[in-house]
Amino acid sequence: MKEFVLGGTQSGVGKTVATLAVIRALQEADHNVQPAKAGPDFIDPSHHAQVAGTPSRTLDLWLEGTEGLRRNYARGDGDICVVEGVMGLYDGDCSSTAMVAAALGLPVVLVVDAKAGMESVAATAHGFREYAAHAGVDVDVAGILAQRAHGGRHAEGIRDALPAGLTFFGRLPPDSDLVIPDRHLGLEMGTEAPLDPAALDAAAETIRTDRLLDVARSPVGPEHEPRPRAARDPSTARAARDPSTARDDGRPTVAVARDPAFCFVYPATLERLRERADVVTFSPVAGDDLPACDGVYLPGGYPELHGPALADSTALAALAERAAAGTPTLGECGGLMALSESLTTVDGNTHGMAGVLPADVRMADRYQALEHVELRAERDSLSAATGEIRRGHEFHYSSADVDSDARFAFEVHRGSGIADERDGLTEYRTLGTYCHLHPESGAVDTFLDRVAAAAVE
């Protein structure tokens, strides 16, 4: 599977729209496209999946390491992969787009805002190419995709101004239908605000897929073959069983919350869960009951947008009982918020949550943390053994007021955590973190080990 990276000159330049248009153009040319996203984002990949029809792979050096990143890429499907970058091409000290491209040995197509420029657009691209040597990053800027560029003389002027070695890969026209609404945490999700298909088709017509395919390369592969992916399980429910549901073959059952309040989950996480466990999904927002299970995973998302539904959720009420009885329960960011005592919105409305963890969460009108994170385990928990290091990511608009006797599993070496340079609020066999962890960190396997052990006690 060959691929290329769509990097941007800066955040907000329109990388996501450009990526979607490129995916559509390649599909129209009869290619099976695998999307991917540099960085730890959950939202942009949701738009990729809407257009490509397959989950987008997460490529982040801090979360996965070089070999983990390469393994995760290698588990994708398709004959061509389109990687959307994060922020500007060189931005980020842990896992910039340029660093991801270099780790995989891939060319970069630079997305440049051409609204008010021609020769200056070419100068920008030239500068980005030459800056690689100054930054000490082995990355090849192959050319540009001109965002918000008109056709005719405008596009021709940009193309003709490009120095030798920089290819003009086409343009995206200025179009109000090629805008994705945003809110706190970023764009709206792909299921909420998909781009107009007709506008996307029109944008795809102006992209030179032949030139993109010419520069696409096979990436540097992992030293070890990736695990085969488990078959995707479309089931969302199983017949009720006894509280201990582990089978004779040792496979436990893990219930995963999946709805608009819990929508931030890496595809690789679900794949790893399904490799070692039976996964059942449920929607607290829709009023589902908590399925019979041996462990529970509550991903991040937008619980603050669904406070009343969660306050009335039978699943969260049942989860409080099951957690107190010792069912291993892992909540990340939004999951931490749902496991707390209460959640207060920016409007001052307070909603009761599951009440498992001794904290009250309050939303703010600006972000409280945005960072790659490094944690050291101070005690055994659901995602790490004592002394182990976990690397992840945090991005949230909430803060937690914890009880004075609260217990934490992690010391924060980088990042903000929950309070007092600590993360991983723990009670019973429940763990809530602001940190999102990728399965390449080992956290998912540790969680599954703990769930399997608890199921046979």
Protein backbone atom coordinates (compact mmCIF):
# COMPACT_ATOMS: atom_id res chain seq x y z
CA MET A 1 0.00 0.00 0.00
CA LYS A 2 1.61 3.24 -1.17
CA GLU A 3 0.86 6.53 0.49
CA PHE A 4 1.58 10.23 0.80
CA VAL A 5 1.04 12.83 3.51
CA LEU A 6 -1.10 15.96 3.22
CA GLY A 7 0.70 18.49 5.40
CA GLY A 8 -0.41 22.04 6.04
CA THR A 9 1.31 25.37 6.37
CA GLN A 10 -0.58 25.89 9.65
CA SER A 11 -3.63 24.81 11.60
CA GLY A 12 -6.88 25.87 9.97
CA VAL A 13 -5.54 25.83 6.42
CA GLY A 14 -8.12 23.25 5.37
CA LYS A 15 -6.23 19.96 5.60
CA THR A 16 -9.31 17.94 6.51
CA VAL A 17 -11.38 19.23 3.57
CA ALA A 18 -8.39 18.68 1.28
CA THR A 19 -7.98 15.14 2.58
CA LEU A 20 -11.65 14.34 1.99
CA ALA A 21 -11.51 15.73 -1.54
CA VAL A 22 -8.39 13.70 -2.31
CA ILE A 23 -10.02 10.55 -0.93
CA ARG A 24 -13.05 11.13 -3.12
CA ALA A 25 -10.89 11.83 -6.19
CA LEU A 26 -8.94 8.60 -5.69
CA GLN A 27 -12.16 6.66 -5.22
CA GLU A 28 -13.45 8.07 -8.50
CA ALA A 29 -10.24 6.74 -10.07
CA ASP A 30 -11.19 3.25 -8.79
CA HIS A 31 -8.78 3.11 -5.87
CA ASN A 32 -9.44 1.54 -2.47
CA VAL A 33 -8.38 4.32 -0.10
CA GLN A 34 -7.13 3.83 3.45
CA PRO A 35 -7.22 7.13 5.39
CA ALA A 36 -4.88 7.94 8.25
CA LYS A 37 -4.26 10.85 10.60
CA ALA A 38 -0.96 12.13 11.96
CA GLY A 39 -1.41 13.07 15.60
CA PRO A 40 -3.74 11.86 18.35
CA ASP A 41 -6.97 13.36 16.98
CA PHE A 42 -10.34 11.54 17.02
CA ILE A 43 -12.47 14.08 15.16
CA ASP A 44 -10.78 14.45 11.77
CA PRO A 45 -10.63 10.63 11.39
CA SER A 46 -14.41 10.51 11.85
CA HIS A 47 -14.73 12.58 8.68
CA HIS A 48 -12.25 10.33 6.88
CA ALA A 49 -14.37 7.30 7.75
CA GLN A 50 -17.54 8.95 6.44
CA VAL A 51 -16.02 9.39 2.99
CA ALA A 52 -13.67 6.41 2.76
CA GLY A 53 -16.03 3.92 4.40
CA THR A 54 -13.25 2.50 6.58
CA PRO A 55 -11.72 3.57 9.92
CA SER A 56 -8.81 6.00 9.78
CA ARG A 57 -5.47 4.83 11.24
CA THR A 58 -3.79 6.92 13.96
CA LEU A 59 -0.10 7.67 13.35
CA ASP A 60 1.58 9.33 16.33
CA LEU A 61 5.22 8.78 17.30
CA TRP A 62 4.71 9.79 20.94
CA LEU A 63 1.73 7.50 21.49
CA GLU A 64 3.04 4.53 19.52
CA GLY A 65 6.79 4.84 19.01
CA THR A 66 8.36 4.39 15.60
CA GLU A 67 7.79 0.65 15.38
CA GLY A 68 4.27 0.92 16.80
CA LEU A 69 3.43 3.61 14.27
CA ARG A 70 4.71 1.42 11.44
CA ARG A 71 2.80 -1.60 12.73
CA ASN A 72 -0.41 0.38 13.02
CA TYR A 73 -0.01 1.66 9.47
CA ALA A 74 0.69 -1.85 8.16
CA ARG A 75 -2.61 -3.10 9.53
CA GLY A 76 -4.56 -0.83 7.18
CA ASP A 77 -6.40 -1.96 4.07
CA GLY A 78 -6.39 -0.57 0.53
CA ASP A 79 -4.01 0.14 -2.34
CA ILE A 80 -3.39 3.80 -1.50
CA CYS A 81 -3.23 5.57 1.87
CA VAL A 82 -3.83 9.29 2.40
CA VAL A 83 -2.40 10.66 5.65
CA GLU A 84 -3.76 13.96 6.95
CA GLY A 85 -1.19 15.92 8.90
CA VAL A 86 -1.54 17.71 12.22
CA MET A 87 -1.18 21.49 12.69
CA GLY A 88 1.53 22.97 10.44
CA LEU A 89 4.02 20.62 8.82
CA TYR A 90 6.83 21.20 11.33
CA ASP A 91 4.74 22.03 14.42
CA GLY A 92 5.02 19.78 17.47
CA ASP A 93 8.03 18.59 19.45
CA CYS A 94 6.77 15.03 19.96
CA SER A 95 5.16 13.95 16.73
CA SER A 96 4.96 16.59 14.02
CA THR A 97 3.63 15.80 10.57
CA ALA A 98 7.17 16.04 9.23
CA MET A 99 8.40 13.56 11.86
CA VAL A 100 5.65 11.07 10.95
CA ALA A 101 6.43 11.43 7.24
CA ALA A 102 10.13 10.89 7.94
CA ALA A 103 9.48 7.82 10.10
CA LEU A 104 7.54 6.23 7.23
CA GLY A 105 9.75 7.62 4.46
CA LEU A 106 6.85 9.35 2.72
CA PRO A 107 6.52 12.44 0.50
CA VAL A 108 4.52 15.45 1.65
CA VAL A 109 1.94 17.29 -0.43
CA LEU A 110 1.67 20.74 1.13
CA VAL A 111 -1.79 22.27 1.51
CA VAL A 112 -1.38 26.05 1.02
CA ASP A 113 -4.06 28.72 1.32
CA ALA A 114 -3.98 30.42 -2.08
CA LYS A 115 -6.89 32.80 -1.57
CA ALA A 116 -4.86 35.98 -1.97
CA GLY A 117 -1.63 34.89 -3.60
CA MET A 118 0.10 33.41 -6.63
CA GLU A 119 3.90 33.75 -6.65
CA SER A 120 3.81 34.03 -2.87
CA VAL A 121 2.11 30.64 -2.71
CA ALA A 122 5.07 29.19 -4.61
CA ALA A 123 7.50 31.00 -2.31
CA THR A 124 5.76 29.51 0.71
CA ALA A 125 6.07 26.01 -0.70
CA HIS A 126 9.73 26.57 -1.55
CA GLY A 127 10.40 27.76 1.99
CA PHE A 128 8.73 24.74 3.51
CA ARG A 129 10.81 22.42 1.34
CA GLU A 130 14.09 24.14 2.22
CA TYR A 131 13.28 24.35 5.94
CA ALA A 132 13.54 20.55 6.24
CA ALA A 133 17.34 20.75 6.19
CA HIS A 134 17.36 23.51 8.81
CA ALA A 135 15.00 21.48 11.04
CA GLY A 136 17.08 18.32 10.60
CA VAL A 137 14.07 16.31 9.40
CA ASP A 138 14.44 13.99 6.42
CA VAL A 139 11.21 14.94 4.70
CA ASP A 140 10.49 15.53 1.02
CA VAL A 141 7.98 18.28 0.16
CA ALA A 142 6.90 17.08 -3.29
CA GLY A 143 4.55 19.92 -4.21
CA ILE A 144 1.36 21.70 -3.30
CA LEU A 145 -2.40 21.42 -3.28
CA ALA A 146 -3.78 24.95 -3.52
CA GLN A 147 -6.63 25.54 -1.09
CA ARG A 148 -9.29 28.18 -2.00
CA ALA A 149 -7.78 28.71 -5.44
CA HIS A 150 -9.82 29.79 -8.46
CA GLY A 151 -9.29 28.16 -11.82
CA GLY A 152 -7.88 29.76 -14.96
CA ARG A 153 -5.23 32.42 -14.50
CA HIS A 154 -5.12 32.02 -10.72
CA ALA A 155 -4.33 28.30 -10.75
CA GLU A 156 -2.03 28.64 -13.77
CA GLY A 157 -0.09 31.46 -12.10
CA ILE A 158 0.52 29.33 -9.00
CA ARG A 159 1.55 26.34 -11.08
CA ASP A 160 3.94 28.32 -13.27
CA ALA A 161 5.55 30.06 -10.30
CA LEU A 162 6.56 26.82 -8.58
CA PRO A 163 10.31 26.14 -8.58
CA ALA A 164 11.66 23.02 -10.26
CA GLY A 165 10.97 19.88 -8.25
CA LEU A 166 7.69 21.13 -6.79
CA THR A 167 4.59 19.67 -8.43
CA PHE A 168 1.19 21.32 -8.71
CA PHE A 169 -1.30 18.65 -7.58
CA GLY A 170 -4.42 20.70 -8.20
CA ARG A 171 -6.66 23.02 -6.29
CA LEU A 172 -9.72 23.20 -4.08
CA PRO A 173 -12.13 25.95 -5.12
CA PRO A 174 -13.50 28.46 -2.62
CA ASP A 175 -16.91 27.05 -1.70
CA SER A 176 -19.02 27.70 1.41
CA ASP A 177 -20.24 24.10 1.20
CA LEU A 178 -16.64 22.93 1.77
CA VAL A 179 -16.63 24.10 5.39
CA ILE A 180 -17.03 21.85 8.44
CA PRO A 181 -18.60 23.52 11.51
CA ASP A 182 -16.50 23.56 14.67
CA ARG A 183 -17.00 23.83 18.42
CA HIS A 184 -14.91 23.17 21.53
CA LEU A 185 -12.42 20.32 20.95
CA GLY A 186 -12.38 21.00 17.20
CA LEU A 187 -14.63 20.23 14.26
CA GLU A 188 -18.00 18.59 14.65
CA MET A 189 -17.87 14.82 14.15
CA GLY A 190 -18.19 13.27 10.71
CA THR A 191 -21.56 11.73 11.55
CA GLU A 192 -22.86 15.15 12.64
CA ALA A 193 -21.58 17.43 9.89
CA PRO A 194 -20.57 15.52 6.76
CA LEU A 195 -19.57 17.64 3.77
CA ASP A 196 -22.08 18.13 0.98
CA PRO A 197 -21.44 15.22 -1.45
CA ALA A 198 -21.98 17.36 -4.54
CA ALA A 199 -19.49 19.99 -3.35
CA LEU A 200 -16.98 17.29 -2.49
CA ASP A 201 -17.39 15.70 -5.92
CA ALA A 202 -16.83 19.06 -7.59
CA ALA A 203 -13.67 19.67 -5.53
CA ALA A 204 -12.38 16.20 -6.38
CA GLU A 205 -12.54 17.01 -10.11
CA THR A 206 -9.85 19.67 -9.73
CA ILE A 207 -7.29 17.32 -8.15
CA ARG A 208 -4.59 15.62 -10.24
CA THR A 209 -4.74 12.05 -8.94
CA ASP A 210 -2.30 10.88 -11.60
CA ARG A 211 0.38 13.14 -10.14
CA LEU A 212 -0.44 12.08 -6.58
CA LEU A 213 -0.10 8.42 -7.54
CA ASP A 214 3.22 9.15 -9.23
CA VAL A 215 4.78 10.51 -6.03
CA ALA A 216 3.16 8.01 -3.61
CA ARG A 217 5.65 5.63 -2.02
CA SER A 218 5.61 2.40 -0.08
CA PRO A 219 6.45 3.27 3.52
CA VAL A 220 9.20 1.90 5.70
CA GLY A 221 7.73 -1.25 7.27
CA PRO A 222 7.90 -2.54 10.84
CA GLU A 223 10.66 -4.91 11.94
CA HIS A 224 8.02 -7.40 13.05
CA GLU A 225 4.83 -8.35 11.27
CA PRO A 226 1.73 -6.71 12.76
CA ARG A 227 -0.86 -8.87 14.45
CA PRO A 228 -3.63 -9.97 12.06
CA ARG A 229 -6.71 -7.88 12.59
CA ALA A 230 -9.67 -9.56 14.21
CA ALA A 231 -12.80 -9.76 12.11
CA ARG A 232 -14.96 -6.71 12.65
CA ASP A 233 -17.87 -7.59 14.89
CA PRO A 234 -21.04 -5.71 13.89
CA SER A 235 -22.95 -7.02 16.89
CA THR A 236 -24.07 -4.45 19.41
CA ALA A 237 -25.57 -6.83 21.95
CA ARG A 238 -25.35 -10.35 23.32
CA ALA A 239 -27.78 -12.45 25.27
CA ALA A 240 -27.66 -11.71 29.01
CA ARG A 241 -25.36 -14.03 30.94
CA ASP A 242 -24.21 -14.51 34.49
CA PRO A 243 -22.10 -11.66 35.90
CA SER A 244 -18.95 -13.69 35.28
CA THR A 245 -19.01 -14.13 31.51
CA ALA A 246 -15.49 -15.34 30.75
CA ARG A 247 -15.62 -18.40 28.49
CA ASP A 248 -13.68 -21.61 28.89
CA ASP A 249 -11.09 -20.32 26.41
CA GLY A 250 -10.38 -17.40 28.76
CA ARG A 251 -11.98 -14.71 26.63
CA PRO A 252 -13.81 -12.24 28.83
CA THR A 253 -16.61 -9.91 27.73
CA VAL A 254 -15.92 -6.17 27.63
CA ALA A 255 -18.77 -3.65 27.35
CA VAL A 256 -17.79 -0.51 25.40
CA ALA A 257 -19.88 2.67 25.46
CA ARG A 258 -20.42 3.89 21.88
CA ASP A 259 -22.61 6.90 21.24
CA PRO A 260 -22.23 10.70 20.82
CA ALA A 261 -21.14 11.05 24.46
CA PHE A 262 -18.45 8.37 24.08
CA CYS A 263 -17.19 8.69 20.52
CA PHE A 264 -13.42 9.17 20.95
CA VAL A 265 -11.87 5.74 20.50
CA TYR A 266 -8.96 4.63 18.33
CA PRO A 267 -9.85 1.88 15.80
CA ALA A 268 -6.74 0.03 16.97
CA THR A 269 -8.18 -0.05 20.49
CA LEU A 270 -11.37 -1.75 19.34
CA GLU A 271 -9.32 -4.15 17.21
CA ARG A 272 -7.14 -5.14 20.16
CA LEU A 273 -10.14 -5.56 22.44
CA ARG A 274 -11.79 -7.85 19.86
CA GLU A 275 -8.63 -9.90 19.46
CA ARG A 276 -8.70 -10.91 23.13
CA ALA A 277 -12.28 -10.40 24.28
CA ASP A 278 -15.90 -10.44 23.21
CA VAL A 279 -16.90 -6.82 22.74
CA VAL A 280 -20.46 -5.64 23.29
CA THR A 281 -21.40 -2.03 22.73
CA PHE A 282 -24.08 -0.01 24.46
CA SER A 283 -25.39 3.56 24.41
CA PRO A 284 -25.98 5.24 27.78
CA VAL A 285 -27.40 8.27 25.92
CA ALA A 286 -30.00 6.13 24.14
CA GLY A 287 -31.09 4.51 27.41
CA ASP A 288 -29.44 1.10 26.92
CA ASP A 289 -28.91 -1.07 29.95
CA LEU A 290 -25.37 -2.05 30.89
CA PRO A 291 -24.75 -5.41 29.17
CA ALA A 292 -23.61 -8.46 31.11
CA CYS A 293 -19.84 -8.20 31.05
CA ASP A 294 -16.55 -8.74 32.87
CA GLY A 295 -15.17 -5.25 32.24
CA VAL A 296 -16.30 -1.84 31.01
CA TYR A 297 -14.55 0.73 28.82
CA LEU A 298 -15.88 4.28 28.63
CA PRO A 299 -14.02 6.23 25.92
CA GLY A 300 -13.83 9.98 25.68
CA GLY A 301 -16.36 12.12 23.88
CA TYR A 302 -18.92 14.79 24.71
CA PRO A 303 -20.72 13.87 27.94
CA GLU A 304 -21.16 17.61 28.60
CA LEU A 305 -23.53 17.79 25.61
CA HIS A 306 -25.70 14.96 26.95
CA GLY A 307 -25.89 15.70 30.67
CA PRO A 308 -29.64 15.09 31.18
CA ALA A 309 -29.60 11.79 29.28
CA LEU A 310 -26.58 10.55 31.23
CA ALA A 311 -28.09 11.65 34.54
CA ASP A 312 -31.12 9.46 33.75
CA SER A 313 -29.09 6.60 32.29
CA THR A 314 -29.92 3.15 33.60
CA ALA A 315 -26.50 2.01 32.35
CA LEU A 316 -24.63 4.48 34.56
CA ALA A 317 -26.78 3.53 37.54
CA ALA A 318 -26.00 -0.15 36.94
CA LEU A 319 -22.34 0.70 36.40
CA ALA A 320 -22.16 2.27 39.83
CA GLU A 321 -23.34 -1.00 41.37
CA ARG A 322 -21.08 -3.17 39.22
CA ALA A 323 -18.03 -1.00 39.86
CA ALA A 324 -18.63 -1.14 43.62
CA ALA A 325 -18.81 -4.92 43.29
CA GLY A 326 -15.39 -4.98 41.65
CA THR A 327 -16.03 -5.01 37.91
CA PRO A 328 -12.94 -3.50 36.22
CA THR A 329 -14.00 -0.18 34.67
CA LEU A 330 -11.77 2.09 32.61
CA GLY A 331 -12.81 5.65 31.71
CA GLU A 332 -10.77 8.03 29.56
CA CYS A 333 -11.48 11.78 29.68
CA GLY A 334 -15.23 11.78 28.89
CA GLY A 335 -15.36 8.39 30.58
CA LEU A 336 -13.71 9.89 33.67
CA MET A 337 -16.34 12.65 33.64
CA ALA A 338 -19.18 10.13 33.44
CA LEU A 339 -17.73 8.13 36.33
CA SER A 340 -17.53 11.21 38.58
CA GLU A 341 -20.09 12.40 41.12
CA SER A 342 -21.39 15.28 39.01
CA LEU A 343 -20.86 17.26 35.83
CA THR A 344 -21.53 21.01 35.65
CA THR A 345 -21.80 22.69 32.24
CA VAL A 346 -20.60 26.19 31.31
CA ASP A 347 -24.21 27.31 31.71
CA GLY A 348 -24.13 26.27 35.35
CA ASN A 349 -26.39 23.22 35.00
CA THR A 350 -25.29 20.34 37.21
CA HIS A 351 -26.07 16.72 36.35
CA GLY A 352 -25.51 13.68 38.52
CA MET A 353 -23.13 11.11 37.01
CA ALA A 354 -22.33 7.52 37.99
CA GLY A 355 -20.75 8.52 41.31
CA VAL A 356 -18.01 5.90 41.18
CA LEU A 357 -15.03 8.26 41.41
CA PRO A 358 -14.73 10.95 44.14
CA ALA A 359 -14.70 14.02 41.90
CA ASP A 360 -16.99 16.76 40.66
CA VAL A 361 -16.30 17.92 37.12
CA ARG A 362 -16.91 21.42 35.77
CA MET A 363 -16.75 22.57 32.16
CA ALA A 364 -14.88 25.76 31.19
CA ASP A 365 -15.17 28.03 28.16
CA ARG A 366 -11.56 27.44 27.13
CA TYR A 367 -9.38 24.37 27.08
CA GLN A 368 -7.77 23.29 30.34
CA ALA A 369 -5.16 20.97 28.86
CA LEU A 370 -3.79 20.19 25.40
CA GLU A 371 -0.61 18.15 25.42
CA HIS A 372 1.17 14.90 24.78
CA VAL A 373 1.41 13.20 28.16
CA GLU A 374 3.83 10.93 29.97
CA LEU A 375 2.71 9.11 33.12
CA ARG A 376 4.55 6.89 35.60
CA ALA A 377 2.50 4.33 37.50
CA GLU A 378 2.80 4.74 41.27
CA ARG A 379 0.70 1.63 41.88
CA ASP A 380 -0.85 -1.23 39.93
CA SER A 381 -3.93 -0.14 38.02
CA LEU A 382 -6.10 -1.18 35.10
CA SER A 383 -3.70 0.23 32.51
CA ALA A 384 -0.21 -0.17 34.00
CA ALA A 385 1.82 -2.01 36.60
CA THR A 386 3.79 -0.11 39.25
CA GLY A 387 6.75 1.69 37.72
CA GLU A 388 5.61 1.41 34.12
CA ILE A 389 5.58 4.45 31.85
CA ARG A 390 2.56 5.26 29.70
CA ARG A 391 2.53 7.89 26.96
CA GLY A 392 -0.72 9.39 25.78
CA HIS A 393 -2.58 12.58 24.97
CA GLU A 394 -4.95 14.95 26.76
CA PHE A 395 -7.30 17.62 25.41
CA HIS A 396 -10.22 18.74 27.52
CA TYR A 397 -12.29 21.74 28.52
CA SER A 398 -13.14 20.43 31.99
CA SER A 399 -11.46 20.33 35.37
CA ALA A 400 -12.07 17.99 38.29
CA ASP A 401 -12.45 18.92 41.95
CA VAL A 402 -11.40 15.75 43.78
CA ASP A 403 -11.97 14.69 47.38
CA SER A 404 -9.09 15.18 49.79
CA ASP A 405 -8.62 11.42 50.23
CA ALA A 406 -8.68 10.66 46.48
CA ARG A 407 -6.19 8.05 45.30
CA PHE A 408 -4.25 8.36 42.05
CA ALA A 409 -2.48 5.71 40.01
CA PHE A 410 -0.07 7.91 38.06
CA GLU A 411 2.49 10.63 38.57
CA VAL A 412 2.46 13.07 35.65
CA HIS A 413 5.91 13.57 34.12
CA ARG A 414 4.55 15.57 31.18
CA GLY A 415 1.08 17.07 30.90
CA SER A 416 -1.52 18.34 33.33
CA GLY A 417 -3.35 15.28 34.65
CA ILE A 418 -6.30 15.60 37.02
CA ALA A 419 -4.83 17.40 40.04
CA ASP A 420 -1.50 18.03 41.77
CA GLU A 421 0.54 16.46 38.94
CA ARG A 422 -1.40 13.24 39.29
CA ASP A 423 -3.67 11.34 36.92
CA GLY A 424 -5.59 8.09 37.11
CA LEU A 425 -8.23 8.58 39.77
CA THR A 426 -8.95 5.13 41.21
CA GLU A 427 -11.66 3.53 43.33
CA TYR A 428 -12.52 -0.17 43.65
CA ARG A 429 -11.24 -1.62 40.36
CA THR A 430 -12.17 1.54 38.47
CA LEU A 431 -9.68 3.91 36.83
CA GLY A 432 -10.45 7.30 35.31
CA THR A 433 -7.86 9.36 33.45
CA TYR A 434 -7.76 12.55 31.45
CA CYS A 435 -5.09 10.81 29.38
CA HIS A 436 -6.09 8.94 26.21
CA LEU A 437 -3.86 5.91 25.61
CA HIS A 438 -3.18 4.02 22.38
CA PRO A 439 -3.00 0.20 22.48
CA GLU A 440 0.62 0.30 21.30
CA SER A 441 1.44 1.69 24.76
CA GLY A 442 0.48 -1.65 26.33
CA ALA A 443 -2.42 -0.12 28.27
CA VAL A 444 -5.16 -2.11 26.51
CA ASP A 445 -3.38 -5.42 27.08
CA THR A 446 -2.93 -4.60 30.76
CA PHE A 447 -6.63 -3.75 31.01
CA LEU A 448 -7.57 -7.04 29.35
CA ASP A 449 -5.26 -8.97 31.69
CA ARG A 450 -6.96 -7.37 34.70
CA VAL A 451 -10.45 -8.06 33.29
CA ALA A 452 -9.63 -11.71 32.54
CA ALA A 453 -8.16 -12.22 36.02
CA ALA A 454 -11.18 -10.64 37.73
CA ALA A 455 -13.59 -12.77 35.68
CA VAL A 456 -12.25 -16.05 37.06
CA GLU A 457 -11.95 -15.01 40.71
